[in-house]
């Protein structure tokens, strides 16, 4: 609580079932109400500090049919947490103030990363978003220095078109966003999220001879819980919280397998001009070999290369970052598009870490990179113009 520690005691007869989930749901709702009431008597800092819990209180009020009270709570938190795009859309869905609703929806449309929220905001505003179906299909025989971006579902086309504009400013290379003529589908995931890290944790407990052949997500989760069975309550709680999040996270895909498929598909359409570069972009999380994840992979086919780029590990929801930022995300995508594309031209990597063409092994390195090519890379690229 903002100014106190709240203790609750619950008891029941031994022969009765303890309705613990319903009990804690109600306790949390009452605690969230008290957090709101205490924080609103202070300043914006206090409200901002407790914004997630106050938002939960607003949702509880909405479920109870107390719309006016819920809107009052949402109006308090939106000025101090405009980056809570779900709260913005909750406000849009319930307010009668159309001007305020449009303002919130526009903020979501301009800044959110989450495709579902962007789509809801666009529908409310009557805005036309770029869609996969509306994109032109890949033509045959394209030539000249250009980058062709191919969305590979799941992929939000709006993110791709915005990242393409940033890439054009970085490289001065024109970009076309085109779709495959035939549908693209990822099959079942090749492994669960964080599988390599989870295996390392289990090996640390059970030894290097652990055989993970045939392990399911449920087996990994039960083994993680077993390894903390003798630990303190806080460690157990944190592990259960991690597993709860793991259940909601999509699995990972073998990037090499899908890259080979993509390169073969593109080969049916491309010319022999290496200056026409192809990159498939997806939100699906990809890995290669023993890596935890990769941003992009490149492969050549008969001397002509193509790449697959995943922006899954660039997103706020994947990284547990405190807020979404579409500008940050599209800049991350644009920076990674530089090596994903220029590898096809066999341009050497620069020593300058601020060059977007430099190697990035993590999101921190991706963020360190700038949006300006270094002189050696510019000179090498100019030879292809």
Protein backbone atom coordinates (compact mmCIF):
# COMPACT_ATOMS: atom_id res chain seq x y z
CA UNK A 1 0.00 0.00 0.00
CA UNK A 2 1.22 3.60 -0.48
CA UNK A 3 1.42 4.26 3.28
CA UNK A 4 0.74 0.97 5.01
CA UNK A 5 1.04 -2.79 5.08
CA UNK A 6 -2.28 -4.56 4.75
CA UNK A 7 -2.63 -7.95 6.48
CA UNK A 8 -5.59 -10.26 5.91
CA UNK A 9 -6.43 -13.47 7.75
CA UNK A 10 -8.82 -16.05 6.33
CA UNK A 11 -9.99 -19.22 8.01
CA UNK A 12 -12.41 -22.02 7.26
CA UNK A 13 -13.31 -25.47 8.55
CA UNK A 14 -11.01 -28.34 7.70
CA UNK A 15 -13.71 -30.25 5.81
CA UNK A 16 -14.56 -27.27 3.58
CA UNK A 17 -12.87 -26.39 0.29
CA UNK A 18 -10.93 -23.15 0.55
CA UNK A 19 -12.09 -20.80 -2.28
CA UNK A 20 -8.66 -19.20 -2.33
CA UNK A 21 -8.78 -17.74 -5.86
CA UNK A 22 -12.05 -15.91 -5.29
CA UNK A 23 -10.81 -14.75 -1.90
CA UNK A 24 -7.61 -13.23 -3.26
CA UNK A 25 -9.44 -11.67 -6.20
CA UNK A 26 -11.63 -9.80 -3.76
CA UNK A 27 -8.74 -8.91 -1.45
CA UNK A 28 -6.81 -7.48 -4.38
CA UNK A 29 -9.80 -5.43 -5.54
CA UNK A 30 -10.17 -3.90 -2.06
CA UNK A 31 -6.43 -3.26 -1.87
CA UNK A 32 -6.49 -1.58 -5.29
CA UNK A 33 -9.32 0.67 -4.15
CA UNK A 34 -7.35 1.71 -1.08
CA UNK A 35 -4.25 2.33 -3.22
CA UNK A 36 -6.29 4.62 -5.45
CA UNK A 37 -7.86 6.49 -2.57
CA UNK A 38 -4.52 7.05 -0.85
CA UNK A 39 -2.63 7.97 -4.03
CA UNK A 40 -5.21 10.47 -5.32
CA UNK A 41 -4.77 12.57 -2.18
CA UNK A 42 -1.10 13.04 -2.99
CA UNK A 43 0.39 14.04 -6.34
CA UNK A 44 0.94 12.68 -9.85
CA UNK A 45 4.01 10.76 -8.75
CA UNK A 46 1.97 8.64 -6.32
CA UNK A 47 -0.76 7.98 -8.89
CA UNK A 48 1.84 7.07 -11.50
CA UNK A 49 3.60 4.74 -9.08
CA UNK A 50 0.41 2.76 -8.45
CA UNK A 51 -1.04 3.12 -11.97
CA UNK A 52 -1.22 -0.62 -12.83
CA UNK A 53 -3.14 -1.38 -9.64
CA UNK A 54 -5.37 1.67 -10.04
CA UNK A 55 -6.15 0.58 -13.61
CA UNK A 56 -7.12 -2.83 -12.20
CA UNK A 57 -9.50 -1.07 -9.81
CA UNK A 58 -11.11 0.74 -12.74
CA UNK A 59 -11.60 -2.62 -14.50
CA UNK A 60 -13.20 -4.04 -11.36
CA UNK A 61 -15.63 -1.12 -11.29
CA UNK A 62 -16.48 -1.70 -14.96
CA UNK A 63 -17.21 -5.38 -14.26
CA UNK A 64 -19.53 -4.31 -11.44
CA UNK A 65 -21.40 -1.97 -13.80
CA UNK A 66 -20.12 1.21 -12.10
CA UNK A 67 -19.16 2.97 -15.31
CA UNK A 68 -19.18 6.54 -14.01
CA UNK A 69 -16.86 5.64 -11.13
CA UNK A 70 -14.58 3.67 -13.44
CA UNK A 71 -14.32 6.59 -15.87
CA UNK A 72 -13.41 8.92 -13.01
CA UNK A 73 -10.55 6.57 -12.08
CA UNK A 74 -9.38 6.29 -15.70
CA UNK A 75 -9.40 10.08 -16.08
CA UNK A 76 -7.06 10.29 -13.07
CA UNK A 77 -4.50 7.84 -14.40
CA UNK A 78 -4.37 8.74 -18.11
CA UNK A 79 -2.54 12.07 -17.62
CA UNK A 80 0.22 10.39 -15.58
CA UNK A 81 0.36 7.16 -17.60
CA UNK A 82 -0.50 8.07 -21.21
CA UNK A 83 1.60 5.06 -22.27
CA UNK A 84 -0.96 2.65 -20.78
CA UNK A 85 -2.66 2.09 -24.13
CA UNK A 86 -5.02 -0.54 -22.74
CA UNK A 87 -6.30 2.03 -20.25
CA UNK A 88 -6.68 4.51 -23.12
CA UNK A 89 -8.84 2.04 -25.04
CA UNK A 90 -10.84 1.15 -21.92
CA UNK A 91 -11.61 4.85 -21.66
CA UNK A 92 -12.52 5.05 -25.37
CA UNK A 93 -14.91 2.10 -25.03
CA UNK A 94 -16.82 3.59 -22.10
CA UNK A 95 -16.82 7.38 -22.29
CA UNK A 96 -19.56 9.51 -23.86
CA UNK A 97 -17.07 12.33 -24.50
CA UNK A 98 -16.34 11.73 -28.18
CA UNK A 99 -13.65 14.40 -28.42
CA UNK A 100 -11.72 12.88 -25.51
CA UNK A 101 -12.28 9.39 -26.91
CA UNK A 102 -10.83 10.39 -30.27
CA UNK A 103 -7.82 11.96 -28.56
CA UNK A 104 -7.10 8.74 -26.67
CA UNK A 105 -7.68 6.55 -29.72
CA UNK A 106 -5.32 8.72 -31.77
CA UNK A 107 -2.63 8.38 -29.09
CA UNK A 108 -2.96 4.59 -29.31
CA UNK A 109 -2.96 4.57 -33.11
CA UNK A 110 0.19 6.72 -33.22
CA UNK A 111 2.21 5.10 -30.46
CA UNK A 112 1.14 1.55 -29.50
CA UNK A 113 3.07 -1.58 -30.47
CA UNK A 114 0.29 -4.08 -29.79
CA UNK A 115 -1.47 -4.98 -33.04
CA UNK A 116 -4.82 -5.62 -31.34
CA UNK A 117 -4.90 -2.18 -29.71
CA UNK A 118 -3.77 -0.47 -32.93
CA UNK A 119 -6.55 -2.19 -34.87
CA UNK A 120 -9.18 -1.20 -32.27
CA UNK A 121 -8.05 2.44 -32.35
CA UNK A 122 -8.07 2.47 -36.16
CA UNK A 123 -11.59 1.06 -36.30
CA UNK A 124 -12.84 3.66 -33.81
CA UNK A 125 -11.27 6.50 -35.80
CA UNK A 126 -12.26 5.09 -39.17
CA UNK A 127 -8.60 5.08 -40.19
CA UNK A 128 -7.37 2.89 -43.01
CA UNK A 129 -4.36 0.78 -42.04
CA UNK A 130 -2.13 -1.04 -44.51
CA UNK A 131 -3.10 -4.71 -44.56
CA UNK A 132 -1.39 -7.80 -45.91
CA UNK A 133 -4.22 -8.52 -48.35
CA UNK A 134 -4.03 -5.00 -49.80
CA UNK A 135 -0.30 -5.22 -50.59
CA UNK A 136 0.82 -5.87 -54.17
CA UNK A 137 2.11 -9.38 -54.80
CA UNK A 138 5.77 -10.02 -55.53
CA UNK A 139 6.45 -9.36 -59.22
CA UNK A 140 9.08 -11.22 -61.19
CA UNK A 141 12.39 -9.85 -62.39
CA UNK A 142 12.84 -6.78 -60.15
CA UNK A 143 16.18 -5.03 -60.73
CA UNK A 144 18.20 -2.12 -59.37
CA UNK A 145 19.27 -1.09 -55.88
CA UNK A 146 16.21 -1.51 -53.68
CA UNK A 147 14.93 -3.41 -50.65
CA UNK A 148 11.83 -5.55 -50.92
CA UNK A 149 10.23 -6.29 -47.56
CA UNK A 150 7.94 -9.30 -47.36
CA UNK A 151 5.66 -9.62 -44.30
CA UNK A 152 5.54 -13.20 -43.01
CA UNK A 153 2.49 -13.59 -40.73
CA UNK A 154 2.32 -12.95 -37.88
CA UNK A 155 3.46 -9.47 -38.89
CA UNK A 156 1.78 -6.10 -38.48
CA UNK A 157 2.13 -4.31 -41.80
CA UNK A 158 1.89 -0.85 -40.21
CA UNK A 159 5.08 -1.51 -38.23
CA UNK A 160 6.79 -2.61 -41.41
CA UNK A 161 5.81 0.44 -43.44
CA UNK A 162 6.96 2.79 -40.67
CA UNK A 163 10.28 0.95 -40.25
CA UNK A 164 10.75 1.08 -44.04
CA UNK A 165 10.66 4.89 -43.99
CA UNK A 166 13.35 5.00 -41.31
CA UNK A 167 15.48 2.52 -43.29
CA UNK A 168 15.16 4.73 -46.38
CA UNK A 169 16.45 7.72 -44.40
CA UNK A 170 19.39 5.68 -43.11
CA UNK A 171 20.49 4.16 -46.42
CA UNK A 172 18.89 6.26 -49.15
CA UNK A 173 17.70 2.96 -50.65
CA UNK A 174 14.06 2.77 -51.83
CA UNK A 175 11.86 0.19 -50.12
CA UNK A 176 8.83 -1.72 -51.41
CA UNK A 177 6.56 -3.72 -49.07
CA UNK A 178 5.14 -6.65 -51.04
CA UNK A 179 3.42 -9.91 -50.16
CA UNK A 180 4.02 -13.48 -51.22
CA UNK A 181 1.40 -14.59 -53.76
CA UNK A 182 0.70 -17.72 -51.71
CA UNK A 183 -0.09 -17.77 -47.97
CA UNK A 184 2.81 -18.14 -45.51
CA UNK A 185 2.31 -20.21 -42.38
CA UNK A 186 4.51 -21.18 -39.48
CA UNK A 187 3.90 -24.74 -38.32
CA UNK A 188 4.01 -25.86 -34.66
CA UNK A 189 6.81 -24.19 -32.66
CA UNK A 190 10.11 -26.06 -32.63
CA UNK A 191 10.71 -25.32 -28.94
CA UNK A 192 9.19 -23.42 -26.03
CA UNK A 193 10.12 -19.85 -25.15
CA UNK A 194 13.36 -19.52 -23.13
CA UNK A 195 14.04 -23.23 -23.65
CA UNK A 196 17.84 -22.89 -23.70
CA UNK A 197 17.88 -20.79 -20.52
CA UNK A 198 15.47 -23.19 -18.81
CA UNK A 199 17.62 -26.18 -19.79
CA UNK A 200 20.70 -24.46 -18.37
CA UNK A 201 18.90 -23.88 -15.07
CA UNK A 202 17.79 -27.51 -14.89
CA UNK A 203 21.29 -28.78 -15.74
CA UNK A 204 22.70 -26.63 -12.94
CA UNK A 205 20.42 -28.50 -10.53
CA UNK A 206 20.38 -32.01 -11.99
CA UNK A 207 23.72 -32.35 -13.76
CA UNK A 208 25.05 -32.29 -17.33
CA UNK A 209 23.71 -35.71 -18.29
CA UNK A 210 20.07 -34.59 -18.28
CA UNK A 211 18.36 -35.83 -21.45
CA UNK A 212 15.71 -33.38 -22.69
CA UNK A 213 14.53 -35.56 -25.57
CA UNK A 214 10.73 -35.45 -25.89
CA UNK A 215 10.22 -32.95 -23.08
CA UNK A 216 6.99 -30.95 -23.28
CA UNK A 217 6.30 -27.53 -21.82
CA UNK A 218 4.49 -29.21 -18.91
CA UNK A 219 7.57 -31.35 -18.19
CA UNK A 220 9.85 -28.30 -18.16
CA UNK A 221 7.47 -26.47 -15.84
CA UNK A 222 7.13 -29.38 -13.40
CA UNK A 223 10.91 -29.76 -13.29
CA UNK A 224 11.39 -26.06 -12.55
CA UNK A 225 8.90 -26.29 -9.69
CA UNK A 226 10.58 -29.43 -8.37
CA UNK A 227 13.93 -27.65 -8.27
CA UNK A 228 12.57 -24.93 -5.96
CA UNK A 229 10.46 -27.25 -3.78
CA UNK A 230 12.90 -26.93 -0.88
CA UNK A 231 13.48 -23.20 -1.32
CA UNK A 232 11.90 -20.31 0.57
CA UNK A 233 8.37 -19.08 -0.14
CA UNK A 234 9.52 -16.04 -2.14
CA UNK A 235 11.62 -18.18 -4.49
CA UNK A 236 8.66 -20.52 -5.04
CA UNK A 237 6.37 -17.56 -5.69
CA UNK A 238 8.77 -16.08 -8.26
CA UNK A 239 9.12 -19.40 -10.04
CA UNK A 240 5.34 -19.85 -10.20
CA UNK A 241 4.97 -16.31 -11.55
CA UNK A 242 7.60 -17.08 -14.21
CA UNK A 243 5.75 -20.27 -15.22
CA UNK A 244 2.43 -18.42 -15.39
CA UNK A 245 4.02 -15.98 -17.86
CA UNK A 246 5.70 -18.80 -19.76
CA UNK A 247 2.28 -20.39 -20.37
CA UNK A 248 1.19 -17.26 -22.23
CA UNK A 249 4.32 -16.84 -24.34
CA UNK A 250 4.42 -18.29 -27.87
CA UNK A 251 7.05 -20.84 -28.77
CA UNK A 252 10.14 -20.36 -30.93
CA UNK A 253 10.83 -21.43 -34.50
CA UNK A 254 13.96 -22.74 -36.16
CA UNK A 255 14.99 -19.73 -38.20
CA UNK A 256 17.28 -21.75 -40.47
CA UNK A 257 14.45 -24.02 -41.64
CA UNK A 258 12.09 -21.15 -42.44
CA UNK A 259 14.87 -19.06 -43.97
CA UNK A 260 15.64 -21.87 -46.41
CA UNK A 261 11.96 -22.02 -47.34
CA UNK A 262 11.81 -18.24 -47.80
CA UNK A 263 14.94 -18.16 -49.96
CA UNK A 264 13.51 -20.89 -52.20
CA UNK A 265 10.20 -19.02 -52.55
CA UNK A 266 11.90 -15.73 -53.39
CA UNK A 267 14.11 -17.46 -55.97
CA UNK A 268 11.01 -18.00 -58.12
CA UNK A 269 10.52 -14.25 -58.48
CA UNK A 270 13.87 -12.51 -58.29
CA UNK A 271 16.23 -11.54 -61.09
CA UNK A 272 20.00 -12.11 -61.09
CA UNK A 273 20.61 -8.56 -59.81
CA UNK A 274 22.11 -8.79 -56.29
CA UNK A 275 21.22 -5.12 -55.72
CA UNK A 276 17.56 -6.09 -55.35
CA UNK A 277 17.53 -7.28 -51.75
CA UNK A 278 14.81 -9.35 -50.06
CA UNK A 279 14.01 -9.54 -46.35
CA UNK A 280 11.07 -11.44 -44.85
CA UNK A 281 9.84 -9.87 -41.60
CA UNK A 282 7.84 -11.57 -38.86
CA UNK A 283 6.83 -11.27 -35.21
CA UNK A 284 7.45 -15.00 -34.76
CA UNK A 285 10.39 -15.62 -32.41
CA UNK A 286 13.24 -17.37 -34.21
CA UNK A 287 16.45 -19.04 -33.08
CA UNK A 288 19.46 -20.67 -34.68
CA UNK A 289 21.28 -23.64 -33.22
CA UNK A 290 21.90 -23.20 -29.49
CA UNK A 291 21.14 -19.46 -29.43
CA UNK A 292 18.38 -18.16 -27.16
CA UNK A 293 17.12 -16.06 -30.09
CA UNK A 294 18.33 -14.17 -33.17
CA UNK A 295 17.17 -10.93 -34.74
CA UNK A 296 17.89 -11.99 -38.32
CA UNK A 297 19.47 -14.72 -40.44
CA UNK A 298 20.92 -14.54 -43.96
CA UNK A 299 21.36 -17.28 -46.54
CA UNK A 300 22.45 -17.30 -50.18
CA UNK A 301 20.81 -19.35 -52.94
CA UNK A 302 22.83 -19.72 -56.13
CA UNK A 303 24.77 -16.57 -55.21
CA UNK A 304 21.66 -14.53 -54.41
CA UNK A 305 20.93 -13.95 -50.72
CA UNK A 306 17.85 -13.19 -48.64
CA UNK A 307 17.16 -12.76 -44.93
CA UNK A 308 14.47 -13.36 -42.35
CA UNK A 309 14.11 -10.78 -39.57
CA UNK A 310 12.14 -11.25 -36.36
CA UNK A 311 11.10 -8.28 -34.23
CA UNK A 312 9.68 -10.46 -31.43
CA UNK A 313 12.63 -9.79 -29.10
CA UNK A 314 12.47 -6.05 -29.80
CA UNK A 315 8.95 -5.61 -28.40
CA UNK A 316 8.12 -4.16 -24.99
CA UNK A 317 5.81 -7.08 -24.10
CA UNK A 318 8.57 -9.64 -24.76
CA UNK A 319 11.23 -7.67 -22.90
CA UNK A 320 8.93 -6.76 -19.97
CA UNK A 321 9.72 -3.09 -20.60
CA UNK A 322 7.52 -0.74 -18.55
CA UNK A 323 5.83 0.84 -21.56
CA UNK A 324 5.39 0.43 -25.29
CA UNK A 325 6.93 2.80 -27.80
CA UNK A 326 6.26 2.26 -31.49
CA UNK A 327 8.94 4.77 -32.44
CA UNK A 328 11.48 2.79 -30.42
CA UNK A 329 10.27 -0.49 -31.95
CA UNK A 330 10.27 0.73 -35.55
CA UNK A 331 13.75 2.20 -35.09
CA UNK A 332 14.95 -1.14 -33.74
CA UNK A 333 13.46 -2.91 -36.77
CA UNK A 334 14.98 -0.36 -39.18
CA UNK A 335 18.43 -0.71 -37.61
CA UNK A 336 18.33 -4.50 -37.94
CA UNK A 337 17.09 -4.20 -41.53
CA UNK A 338 20.43 -2.61 -42.41
CA UNK A 339 22.57 -5.74 -41.82
CA UNK A 340 19.72 -8.03 -42.88
CA UNK A 341 19.78 -6.37 -46.30
CA UNK A 342 23.37 -5.20 -46.87
CA UNK A 343 24.74 -8.70 -46.23
CA UNK A 344 23.43 -9.52 -49.71
CA UNK A 345 25.89 -6.95 -51.13
CA UNK A 346 28.81 -8.48 -49.19
CA UNK A 347 29.72 -5.12 -47.66
CA UNK A 348 32.18 -5.55 -44.75
CA UNK A 349 30.89 -4.87 -41.24
CA UNK A 350 32.16 -1.58 -39.73
CA UNK A 351 34.23 -1.14 -36.57
CA UNK A 352 32.06 1.83 -35.52
CA UNK A 353 29.53 0.56 -32.92
CA UNK A 354 27.16 3.45 -33.66
CA UNK A 355 26.78 2.37 -37.30
CA UNK A 356 23.43 0.57 -37.77
CA UNK A 357 25.30 -1.97 -39.92
CA UNK A 358 27.47 -2.99 -36.94
CA UNK A 359 26.81 -6.29 -35.19
CA UNK A 360 24.18 -6.38 -32.41
CA UNK A 361 23.89 -9.39 -30.10
CA UNK A 362 21.25 -7.90 -27.80
CA UNK A 363 18.54 -5.26 -27.60
CA UNK A 364 20.91 -3.08 -25.56
CA UNK A 365 23.39 -3.15 -28.46
CA UNK A 366 20.58 -2.50 -30.91
CA UNK A 367 19.58 0.59 -28.94
CA UNK A 368 23.22 1.74 -28.78
CA UNK A 369 23.42 1.87 -32.56
CA UNK A 370 22.54 5.11 -34.32
CA UNK A 371 20.69 5.94 -37.52
CA UNK A 372 23.67 7.11 -39.59
CA UNK A 373 25.97 4.91 -41.67
CA UNK A 374 29.71 5.29 -41.08
CA UNK A 375 31.85 6.68 -43.96
CA UNK A 376 33.34 3.28 -44.97
CA UNK A 377 29.88 1.71 -45.26
CA UNK A 378 28.51 4.71 -47.18
CA UNK A 379 31.40 4.52 -49.64
CA UNK A 380 30.96 0.78 -50.15
CA UNK A 381 27.21 1.20 -50.65
CA UNK A 382 27.66 4.07 -53.14
CA UNK A 383 29.47 1.66 -55.49
CA UNK A 384 26.18 -0.17 -56.01
CA UNK A 385 24.13 2.91 -56.90
